[in-house]
N, C-alpha and C. Protein backbone atom coordinates (compact mmCIF):
# COMPACT_ATOMS: atom_id res chain seq x y z
N MET A 1 19.34 -24.59 -6.50
CA MET A 1 18.23 -25.53 -6.58
C MET A 1 17.26 -25.08 -7.67
N THR A 2 16.57 -26.05 -8.22
CA THR A 2 15.55 -25.76 -9.23
C THR A 2 14.20 -25.58 -8.54
N VAL A 3 13.20 -25.20 -9.30
CA VAL A 3 11.85 -25.02 -8.75
C VAL A 3 11.36 -26.32 -8.11
N GLU A 4 11.52 -27.42 -8.83
CA GLU A 4 11.05 -28.70 -8.30
C GLU A 4 11.82 -29.12 -7.05
N GLU A 5 13.11 -28.87 -7.02
CA GLU A 5 13.90 -29.20 -5.82
C GLU A 5 13.43 -28.39 -4.62
N ILE A 6 13.12 -27.12 -4.86
CA ILE A 6 12.62 -26.28 -3.77
C ILE A 6 11.27 -26.79 -3.30
N LYS A 7 10.39 -27.14 -4.23
CA LYS A 7 9.07 -27.66 -3.86
C LYS A 7 9.19 -28.99 -3.11
N ASP A 8 10.20 -29.79 -3.45
CA ASP A 8 10.42 -31.04 -2.73
C ASP A 8 11.01 -30.79 -1.34
N THR A 9 11.75 -29.69 -1.19
CA THR A 9 12.40 -29.37 0.08
C THR A 9 11.41 -28.78 1.08
N TYR A 10 10.55 -27.87 0.63
CA TYR A 10 9.63 -27.17 1.52
C TYR A 10 8.19 -27.59 1.26
N SER A 11 7.47 -27.84 2.34
CA SER A 11 6.02 -28.02 2.21
C SER A 11 5.38 -26.65 2.38
N MET A 12 4.12 -26.54 2.05
CA MET A 12 3.41 -25.28 2.23
C MET A 12 3.37 -24.93 3.71
N ARG A 13 3.24 -25.92 4.55
CA ARG A 13 3.22 -25.71 6.01
C ARG A 13 4.54 -25.09 6.48
N ASP A 14 5.68 -25.56 5.93
CA ASP A 14 6.98 -24.99 6.29
C ASP A 14 7.02 -23.49 5.99
N ILE A 15 6.48 -23.14 4.84
CA ILE A 15 6.52 -21.73 4.41
C ILE A 15 5.65 -20.86 5.30
N VAL A 16 4.41 -21.28 5.60
CA VAL A 16 3.55 -20.44 6.43
C VAL A 16 4.09 -20.34 7.85
N GLU A 17 4.72 -21.39 8.34
CA GLU A 17 5.32 -21.33 9.68
C GLU A 17 6.50 -20.36 9.71
N ARG A 18 7.18 -20.21 8.58
CA ARG A 18 8.26 -19.22 8.47
C ARG A 18 7.77 -17.81 8.75
N TYR A 19 6.49 -17.56 8.43
CA TYR A 19 5.89 -16.25 8.62
C TYR A 19 5.14 -16.15 9.94
N GLY A 20 5.30 -17.15 10.81
CA GLY A 20 4.70 -17.10 12.13
C GLY A 20 3.29 -17.62 12.23
N PHE A 21 2.78 -18.24 11.19
CA PHE A 21 1.43 -18.80 11.24
C PHE A 21 1.50 -20.25 11.69
N GLN A 22 0.53 -20.66 12.49
CA GLN A 22 0.43 -22.05 12.92
C GLN A 22 -0.92 -22.58 12.45
N PRO A 23 -0.92 -23.43 11.44
CA PRO A 23 -2.20 -23.99 10.98
C PRO A 23 -2.90 -24.77 12.10
N ASN A 24 -4.24 -24.63 12.17
CA ASN A 24 -4.99 -25.40 13.18
C ASN A 24 -5.05 -26.86 12.75
N ARG A 25 -5.78 -27.68 13.52
CA ARG A 25 -5.80 -29.12 13.21
C ARG A 25 -6.39 -29.43 11.85
N ARG A 26 -7.26 -28.54 11.37
CA ARG A 26 -7.85 -28.75 10.05
C ARG A 26 -6.99 -28.15 8.94
N GLY A 27 -5.88 -27.50 9.29
CA GLY A 27 -4.98 -26.96 8.28
C GLY A 27 -5.32 -25.55 7.84
N PHE A 28 -6.05 -24.78 8.66
CA PHE A 28 -6.43 -23.42 8.31
C PHE A 28 -5.61 -22.40 9.11
N ILE A 29 -5.38 -21.24 8.49
CA ILE A 29 -4.77 -20.09 9.17
C ILE A 29 -5.59 -18.85 8.81
N PRO A 30 -5.50 -17.77 9.61
CA PRO A 30 -6.14 -16.51 9.19
C PRO A 30 -5.47 -16.02 7.90
N CYS A 31 -6.25 -15.60 6.95
CA CYS A 31 -5.68 -15.19 5.67
C CYS A 31 -4.97 -13.84 5.81
N PRO A 32 -3.68 -13.77 5.45
CA PRO A 32 -2.95 -12.51 5.53
C PRO A 32 -3.20 -11.59 4.33
N PHE A 33 -4.01 -12.05 3.38
CA PHE A 33 -4.20 -11.30 2.14
C PHE A 33 -5.50 -10.50 2.10
N HIS A 34 -6.30 -10.59 3.14
CA HIS A 34 -7.48 -9.73 3.26
C HIS A 34 -7.72 -9.43 4.73
N GLU A 35 -8.49 -8.37 4.99
CA GLU A 35 -8.75 -7.96 6.36
C GLU A 35 -10.09 -8.48 6.84
N GLY A 36 -10.26 -8.49 8.16
CA GLY A 36 -11.53 -8.88 8.74
C GLY A 36 -11.75 -10.37 8.80
N ASP A 37 -10.67 -11.14 8.82
CA ASP A 37 -10.77 -12.60 8.86
C ASP A 37 -10.90 -13.04 10.31
N ARG A 38 -12.14 -13.18 10.80
CA ARG A 38 -12.34 -13.57 12.19
C ARG A 38 -12.09 -15.06 12.39
N GLN A 39 -12.42 -15.83 11.39
CA GLN A 39 -12.16 -17.26 11.45
C GLN A 39 -11.15 -17.59 10.37
N ALA A 40 -10.28 -18.52 10.68
CA ALA A 40 -9.26 -18.92 9.72
C ALA A 40 -9.93 -19.40 8.43
N SER A 41 -9.55 -18.79 7.30
CA SER A 41 -10.20 -19.14 6.03
C SER A 41 -9.20 -19.60 4.97
N LEU A 42 -7.91 -19.52 5.26
CA LEU A 42 -6.91 -19.92 4.28
C LEU A 42 -6.47 -21.35 4.59
N LYS A 43 -6.81 -22.26 3.70
CA LYS A 43 -6.50 -23.67 3.87
C LYS A 43 -5.10 -23.96 3.35
N ILE A 44 -4.32 -24.62 4.17
CA ILE A 44 -2.96 -25.01 3.81
C ILE A 44 -2.97 -26.47 3.40
N TYR A 45 -2.66 -26.72 2.15
CA TYR A 45 -2.51 -28.08 1.64
C TYR A 45 -1.03 -28.43 1.64
N ASP A 46 -0.68 -29.60 1.21
CA ASP A 46 0.73 -30.01 1.23
C ASP A 46 1.59 -29.15 0.31
N ARG A 47 1.11 -28.86 -0.90
CA ARG A 47 1.93 -28.12 -1.87
C ARG A 47 1.38 -26.76 -2.26
N ASP A 48 0.18 -26.41 -1.77
CA ASP A 48 -0.39 -25.12 -2.14
C ASP A 48 -1.36 -24.64 -1.06
N PHE A 49 -2.04 -23.50 -1.35
CA PHE A 49 -2.97 -22.91 -0.40
C PHE A 49 -4.15 -22.33 -1.15
N HIS A 50 -5.26 -22.14 -0.42
CA HIS A 50 -6.44 -21.51 -1.01
C HIS A 50 -7.24 -20.83 0.10
N CYS A 51 -7.60 -19.57 -0.12
CA CYS A 51 -8.44 -18.84 0.83
C CYS A 51 -9.89 -18.95 0.37
N HIS A 52 -10.73 -19.45 1.25
CA HIS A 52 -12.14 -19.62 0.91
C HIS A 52 -12.93 -18.32 1.04
N ALA A 53 -12.29 -17.26 1.55
CA ALA A 53 -12.97 -15.97 1.67
C ALA A 53 -12.63 -15.05 0.50
N CYS A 54 -11.33 -14.83 0.26
CA CYS A 54 -10.95 -13.86 -0.79
C CYS A 54 -10.50 -14.51 -2.09
N GLY A 55 -10.28 -15.81 -2.07
CA GLY A 55 -9.91 -16.51 -3.29
C GLY A 55 -8.42 -16.57 -3.58
N ALA A 56 -7.60 -16.02 -2.68
CA ALA A 56 -6.15 -16.09 -2.89
C ALA A 56 -5.73 -17.55 -2.92
N ASN A 57 -4.84 -17.88 -3.86
CA ASN A 57 -4.37 -19.26 -3.93
C ASN A 57 -3.03 -19.30 -4.65
N GLY A 58 -2.35 -20.42 -4.52
CA GLY A 58 -1.07 -20.58 -5.19
C GLY A 58 -0.20 -21.59 -4.49
N ASP A 59 1.06 -21.60 -4.90
CA ASP A 59 2.02 -22.52 -4.31
C ASP A 59 2.95 -21.76 -3.36
N ILE A 60 4.06 -22.40 -2.98
CA ILE A 60 4.97 -21.76 -2.02
C ILE A 60 5.57 -20.47 -2.58
N PHE A 61 5.82 -20.45 -3.88
CA PHE A 61 6.40 -19.25 -4.49
C PHE A 61 5.38 -18.10 -4.47
N SER A 62 4.13 -18.41 -4.80
CA SER A 62 3.07 -17.40 -4.79
C SER A 62 2.91 -16.81 -3.39
N PHE A 63 2.95 -17.67 -2.37
CA PHE A 63 2.78 -17.21 -1.00
C PHE A 63 3.89 -16.23 -0.62
N VAL A 64 5.13 -16.59 -0.92
CA VAL A 64 6.26 -15.72 -0.60
C VAL A 64 6.16 -14.42 -1.41
N GLN A 65 5.79 -14.51 -2.67
CA GLN A 65 5.63 -13.31 -3.49
C GLN A 65 4.59 -12.38 -2.89
N MET A 66 3.45 -12.92 -2.50
CA MET A 66 2.38 -12.10 -1.97
C MET A 66 2.71 -11.54 -0.59
N MET A 67 3.36 -12.31 0.24
CA MET A 67 3.69 -11.85 1.59
C MET A 67 4.75 -10.76 1.58
N ASP A 68 5.77 -10.91 0.73
CA ASP A 68 6.90 -9.98 0.73
C ASP A 68 6.91 -9.02 -0.44
N ASP A 69 5.86 -9.06 -1.27
CA ASP A 69 5.78 -8.19 -2.44
C ASP A 69 7.02 -8.34 -3.32
N LEU A 70 7.28 -9.58 -3.72
CA LEU A 70 8.46 -9.90 -4.53
C LEU A 70 8.04 -10.39 -5.91
N SER A 71 8.96 -10.31 -6.84
CA SER A 71 8.74 -10.93 -8.15
C SER A 71 8.97 -12.44 -7.98
N PHE A 72 8.59 -13.22 -8.99
CA PHE A 72 8.84 -14.66 -8.90
C PHE A 72 10.33 -14.93 -8.74
N LYS A 73 11.14 -14.23 -9.52
CA LYS A 73 12.59 -14.45 -9.47
C LYS A 73 13.13 -14.20 -8.07
N GLU A 74 12.68 -13.11 -7.43
CA GLU A 74 13.15 -12.79 -6.08
C GLU A 74 12.68 -13.84 -5.07
N ALA A 75 11.43 -14.30 -5.20
CA ALA A 75 10.92 -15.34 -4.30
C ALA A 75 11.68 -16.64 -4.51
N PHE A 76 11.96 -16.96 -5.75
CA PHE A 76 12.72 -18.17 -6.09
C PHE A 76 14.10 -18.13 -5.43
N ILE A 77 14.77 -17.01 -5.54
CA ILE A 77 16.11 -16.87 -4.95
C ILE A 77 16.02 -16.89 -3.43
N GLU A 78 15.00 -16.24 -2.87
CA GLU A 78 14.86 -16.21 -1.41
C GLU A 78 14.66 -17.61 -0.85
N LEU A 79 14.02 -18.49 -1.61
CA LEU A 79 13.81 -19.86 -1.16
C LEU A 79 14.97 -20.78 -1.50
N GLY A 80 16.05 -20.21 -2.01
CA GLY A 80 17.25 -21.00 -2.27
C GLY A 80 17.45 -21.36 -3.72
N GLY A 81 16.67 -20.78 -4.61
CA GLY A 81 16.80 -21.07 -6.03
C GLY A 81 18.07 -20.48 -6.60
N ASP A 82 18.51 -21.07 -7.70
CA ASP A 82 19.74 -20.62 -8.34
C ASP A 82 19.53 -20.56 -9.84
N TYR A 83 19.68 -19.36 -10.39
CA TYR A 83 19.62 -19.21 -11.84
C TYR A 83 21.01 -19.50 -12.39
N HIS A 84 21.07 -20.33 -13.38
CA HIS A 84 22.37 -20.66 -13.97
C HIS A 84 22.67 -19.73 -15.12
N SER A 85 22.70 -18.44 -14.80
CA SER A 85 23.02 -17.46 -15.82
C SER A 85 24.14 -16.59 -15.29
N GLY A 86 24.66 -15.75 -16.14
CA GLY A 86 25.73 -14.86 -15.73
C GLY A 86 25.29 -13.85 -14.69
N GLU A 87 23.99 -13.49 -14.72
CA GLU A 87 23.48 -12.48 -13.78
C GLU A 87 22.84 -13.18 -12.60
N LYS A 88 23.41 -12.96 -11.42
CA LYS A 88 22.82 -13.51 -10.21
C LYS A 88 22.36 -12.35 -9.34
N VAL A 89 21.19 -12.50 -8.80
CA VAL A 89 20.67 -11.49 -7.90
C VAL A 89 21.01 -11.95 -6.49
N HIS A 90 21.72 -11.11 -5.77
CA HIS A 90 22.12 -11.46 -4.42
C HIS A 90 21.02 -11.07 -3.45
N LEU A 91 21.00 -11.73 -2.32
CA LEU A 91 20.00 -11.46 -1.30
C LEU A 91 20.02 -10.00 -0.89
N SER A 92 21.20 -9.39 -0.86
CA SER A 92 21.28 -7.98 -0.47
C SER A 92 20.53 -7.09 -1.47
N GLN A 93 20.58 -7.43 -2.76
CA GLN A 93 19.83 -6.68 -3.76
C GLN A 93 18.33 -6.83 -3.55
N ILE A 94 17.90 -8.04 -3.24
CA ILE A 94 16.48 -8.29 -2.98
C ILE A 94 16.04 -7.49 -1.77
N LEU A 95 16.84 -7.51 -0.72
CA LEU A 95 16.49 -6.77 0.49
C LEU A 95 16.46 -5.27 0.24
N MET A 96 17.39 -4.77 -0.59
CA MET A 96 17.40 -3.35 -0.93
C MET A 96 16.12 -2.98 -1.67
N ARG A 97 15.72 -3.79 -2.64
CA ARG A 97 14.50 -3.52 -3.39
C ARG A 97 13.27 -3.57 -2.48
N LYS A 98 13.28 -4.55 -1.57
CA LYS A 98 12.17 -4.70 -0.64
C LYS A 98 12.08 -3.47 0.27
N ARG A 99 13.22 -3.01 0.78
CA ARG A 99 13.24 -1.82 1.63
C ARG A 99 12.76 -0.59 0.86
N GLU A 100 13.18 -0.49 -0.40
CA GLU A 100 12.77 0.65 -1.23
C GLU A 100 11.25 0.63 -1.45
N ARG A 101 10.70 -0.55 -1.72
CA ARG A 101 9.25 -0.66 -1.89
C ARG A 101 8.52 -0.30 -0.59
N GLU A 102 9.06 -0.73 0.54
CA GLU A 102 8.46 -0.42 1.83
C GLU A 102 8.53 1.08 2.10
N ARG A 103 9.65 1.70 1.78
CA ARG A 103 9.81 3.15 1.95
C ARG A 103 8.80 3.90 1.08
N ALA A 104 8.64 3.45 -0.16
CA ALA A 104 7.68 4.09 -1.07
C ALA A 104 6.26 3.91 -0.56
N ARG A 105 5.95 2.74 -0.03
CA ARG A 105 4.62 2.48 0.51
C ARG A 105 4.33 3.39 1.71
N ARG A 106 5.32 3.52 2.61
CA ARG A 106 5.15 4.39 3.78
C ARG A 106 4.99 5.85 3.35
N TYR A 107 5.80 6.28 2.37
CA TYR A 107 5.69 7.66 1.89
C TYR A 107 4.30 7.90 1.32
N GLU A 108 3.79 6.93 0.57
CA GLU A 108 2.46 7.06 -0.03
C GLU A 108 1.38 7.16 1.05
N GLU A 109 1.51 6.37 2.11
CA GLU A 109 0.55 6.45 3.22
C GLU A 109 0.58 7.83 3.87
N VAL A 110 1.77 8.36 4.11
CA VAL A 110 1.91 9.67 4.73
C VAL A 110 1.34 10.74 3.80
N PHE A 111 1.62 10.63 2.51
CA PHE A 111 1.12 11.60 1.54
C PHE A 111 -0.41 11.59 1.51
N ARG A 112 -1.00 10.40 1.47
CA ARG A 112 -2.47 10.31 1.44
C ARG A 112 -3.09 10.92 2.70
N ALA A 113 -2.46 10.67 3.86
CA ALA A 113 -2.97 11.24 5.11
C ALA A 113 -2.88 12.77 5.06
N TRP A 114 -1.75 13.29 4.56
CA TRP A 114 -1.60 14.74 4.44
C TRP A 114 -2.68 15.31 3.51
N LYS A 115 -2.87 14.65 2.36
CA LYS A 115 -3.83 15.13 1.37
C LYS A 115 -5.24 15.17 1.95
N MET A 116 -5.62 14.13 2.68
CA MET A 116 -6.95 14.09 3.28
C MET A 116 -7.11 15.19 4.33
N GLN A 117 -6.09 15.37 5.16
CA GLN A 117 -6.14 16.41 6.18
C GLN A 117 -6.21 17.79 5.55
N LYS A 118 -5.43 18.01 4.51
CA LYS A 118 -5.42 19.30 3.82
C LYS A 118 -6.78 19.57 3.17
N LEU A 119 -7.37 18.56 2.58
CA LEU A 119 -8.69 18.70 1.95
C LEU A 119 -9.75 19.08 2.99
N ILE A 120 -9.70 18.45 4.14
CA ILE A 120 -10.64 18.78 5.22
C ILE A 120 -10.45 20.23 5.64
N GLU A 121 -9.20 20.65 5.78
CA GLU A 121 -8.89 22.03 6.18
C GLU A 121 -9.40 23.03 5.13
N VAL A 122 -9.15 22.75 3.85
CA VAL A 122 -9.58 23.65 2.78
C VAL A 122 -11.11 23.76 2.75
N CYS A 123 -11.80 22.63 2.90
CA CYS A 123 -13.27 22.66 2.90
C CYS A 123 -13.81 23.45 4.09
N ARG A 124 -13.20 23.27 5.24
CA ARG A 124 -13.61 24.03 6.43
C ARG A 124 -13.43 25.52 6.21
N LEU A 125 -12.30 25.91 5.65
CA LEU A 125 -12.04 27.33 5.39
C LEU A 125 -12.97 27.90 4.32
N LEU A 126 -13.26 27.12 3.30
CA LEU A 126 -14.19 27.58 2.27
C LEU A 126 -15.58 27.86 2.86
N ARG A 127 -16.05 26.97 3.75
CA ARG A 127 -17.35 27.21 4.40
C ARG A 127 -17.31 28.48 5.23
N MET A 128 -16.20 28.68 5.94
CA MET A 128 -16.07 29.87 6.77
C MET A 128 -16.09 31.14 5.91
N TYR A 129 -15.34 31.13 4.80
CA TYR A 129 -15.30 32.31 3.93
C TYR A 129 -16.64 32.53 3.20
N ASP A 130 -17.39 31.47 2.94
CA ASP A 130 -18.73 31.63 2.37
C ASP A 130 -19.61 32.43 3.32
N GLU A 131 -19.51 32.10 4.62
CA GLU A 131 -20.30 32.83 5.62
C GLU A 131 -19.83 34.28 5.73
N LEU A 132 -18.51 34.47 5.70
CA LEU A 132 -17.98 35.83 5.82
C LEU A 132 -18.36 36.69 4.62
N GLU A 133 -18.45 36.08 3.46
CA GLU A 133 -18.81 36.82 2.25
C GLU A 133 -20.18 37.49 2.41
N MET A 134 -21.08 36.82 3.10
CA MET A 134 -22.42 37.38 3.29
C MET A 134 -22.47 38.43 4.40
N VAL A 135 -21.49 38.41 5.27
CA VAL A 135 -21.47 39.37 6.39
C VAL A 135 -21.00 40.75 5.93
N PHE A 136 -19.99 40.76 5.06
CA PHE A 136 -19.40 42.04 4.66
C PHE A 136 -20.18 42.69 3.51
N GLU A 137 -20.10 43.99 3.50
CA GLU A 137 -20.73 44.79 2.44
C GLU A 137 -20.03 44.49 1.11
N PRO A 138 -20.78 44.14 0.04
CA PRO A 138 -20.14 43.88 -1.25
C PRO A 138 -19.27 45.06 -1.69
N MET A 139 -18.16 44.73 -2.23
CA MET A 139 -17.16 45.66 -2.76
C MET A 139 -16.38 46.41 -1.67
N SER A 140 -16.60 46.08 -0.41
CA SER A 140 -15.79 46.68 0.66
C SER A 140 -14.43 46.00 0.65
N ASP A 141 -13.47 46.60 1.33
CA ASP A 141 -12.11 46.04 1.39
C ASP A 141 -12.14 44.63 2.00
N GLU A 142 -12.91 44.45 3.06
CA GLU A 142 -13.01 43.14 3.72
C GLU A 142 -13.62 42.10 2.78
N TRP A 143 -14.68 42.51 2.08
CA TRP A 143 -15.35 41.60 1.16
C TRP A 143 -14.39 41.17 0.04
N VAL A 144 -13.64 42.10 -0.53
CA VAL A 144 -12.67 41.79 -1.59
C VAL A 144 -11.61 40.83 -1.06
N LEU A 145 -11.15 41.06 0.17
CA LEU A 145 -10.17 40.17 0.79
C LEU A 145 -10.72 38.75 0.91
N VAL A 146 -11.97 38.63 1.35
CA VAL A 146 -12.62 37.32 1.48
C VAL A 146 -12.74 36.64 0.11
N ILE A 147 -13.15 37.39 -0.90
CA ILE A 147 -13.30 36.82 -2.25
C ILE A 147 -11.96 36.33 -2.79
N ASN A 148 -10.91 37.12 -2.59
CA ASN A 148 -9.58 36.72 -3.05
C ASN A 148 -9.10 35.45 -2.33
N LYS A 149 -9.33 35.39 -1.03
CA LYS A 149 -8.92 34.21 -0.27
C LYS A 149 -9.71 32.99 -0.71
N LYS A 150 -11.01 33.17 -1.00
CA LYS A 150 -11.83 32.06 -1.48
C LYS A 150 -11.31 31.53 -2.82
N GLN A 151 -10.87 32.42 -3.69
CA GLN A 151 -10.34 31.98 -4.99
C GLN A 151 -9.08 31.14 -4.81
N VAL A 152 -8.23 31.54 -3.88
CA VAL A 152 -7.01 30.77 -3.60
C VAL A 152 -7.40 29.39 -3.06
N LEU A 153 -8.35 29.36 -2.14
CA LEU A 153 -8.79 28.09 -1.55
C LEU A 153 -9.48 27.20 -2.59
N GLU A 154 -10.24 27.79 -3.49
CA GLU A 154 -10.89 27.00 -4.54
C GLU A 154 -9.86 26.37 -5.47
N GLU A 155 -8.78 27.09 -5.73
CA GLU A 155 -7.69 26.51 -6.54
C GLU A 155 -7.01 25.37 -5.78
N ASP A 156 -6.80 25.57 -4.48
CA ASP A 156 -6.23 24.49 -3.65
C ASP A 156 -7.14 23.27 -3.69
N TYR A 157 -8.44 23.49 -3.59
CA TYR A 157 -9.41 22.40 -3.64
C TYR A 157 -9.32 21.66 -4.98
N ARG A 158 -9.23 22.42 -6.07
CA ARG A 158 -9.11 21.80 -7.39
C ARG A 158 -7.86 20.94 -7.49
N ILE A 159 -6.74 21.46 -6.98
CA ILE A 159 -5.48 20.71 -7.03
C ILE A 159 -5.60 19.43 -6.21
N LEU A 160 -6.18 19.52 -5.02
CA LEU A 160 -6.29 18.35 -4.15
C LEU A 160 -7.23 17.29 -4.70
N THR A 161 -8.30 17.72 -5.36
CA THR A 161 -9.29 16.74 -5.83
C THR A 161 -9.02 16.23 -7.24
N SER A 162 -8.47 17.08 -8.11
CA SER A 162 -8.30 16.62 -9.50
C SER A 162 -7.00 17.09 -10.13
N GLY A 163 -6.10 17.63 -9.33
CA GLY A 163 -4.84 18.11 -9.87
C GLY A 163 -3.85 16.98 -10.10
N PHE A 164 -2.78 17.30 -10.77
CA PHE A 164 -1.72 16.34 -10.99
C PHE A 164 -0.95 16.11 -9.70
N ARG A 165 -0.34 14.95 -9.59
CA ARG A 165 0.43 14.61 -8.39
C ARG A 165 1.54 15.65 -8.17
N LYS A 166 2.16 16.11 -9.26
CA LYS A 166 3.24 17.10 -9.15
C LYS A 166 2.74 18.38 -8.48
N GLU A 167 1.53 18.82 -8.85
CA GLU A 167 0.94 20.01 -8.23
C GLU A 167 0.69 19.80 -6.74
N GLN A 168 0.21 18.60 -6.40
CA GLN A 168 -0.06 18.29 -5.00
C GLN A 168 1.23 18.23 -4.20
N GLU A 169 2.27 17.63 -4.78
CA GLU A 169 3.58 17.58 -4.10
C GLU A 169 4.13 18.98 -3.89
N GLU A 170 3.95 19.84 -4.88
CA GLU A 170 4.42 21.21 -4.77
C GLU A 170 3.67 21.94 -3.65
N MET A 171 2.37 21.72 -3.60
CA MET A 171 1.56 22.34 -2.54
C MET A 171 2.06 21.88 -1.16
N ARG A 172 2.37 20.61 -1.05
CA ARG A 172 2.84 20.07 0.22
C ARG A 172 4.19 20.65 0.59
N SER A 173 5.05 20.82 -0.38
CA SER A 173 6.40 21.34 -0.09
C SER A 173 6.37 22.81 0.35
N LEU A 174 5.31 23.55 0.00
CA LEU A 174 5.21 24.96 0.36
C LEU A 174 4.74 25.15 1.80
N GLU A 175 4.30 24.09 2.44
CA GLU A 175 3.82 24.22 3.82
C GLU A 175 4.96 24.26 4.81
């Protein structure tokens, strides 16, 4: 099918219902593209949509692209489109790419959570060693140990706050 054939086949309402949304009598649904939507703010028209809160808008292809994080070509094929070229993208390839993007997104979430937790831990330890530094006699064995540990923690802090991703990944792998 061509773009126009797909648009003639599906209304915007058909597409949003595919994702489990039921427009109210005025044609509104809660906007899936921003958070904190207490009242339905995304208006469903016959051939397109518009969110009066965040400004998201587009046609059926845009909606599928935004909901599933797809390229136009992938959304076109998912809705039954057919490219008349030698290269055809099969649904299994689209699903593989989608799964890979989801895996990368989940990994990124886990990494960010680890980084935040590690930063909190490093800051807590730095405060503790600051207090210990004042307790011990300067140049004593304990004091030198505290200073050395603080230097290691300060480097960890630098890596977590402004280091390269590779350094942060390496730090994580050493735990």
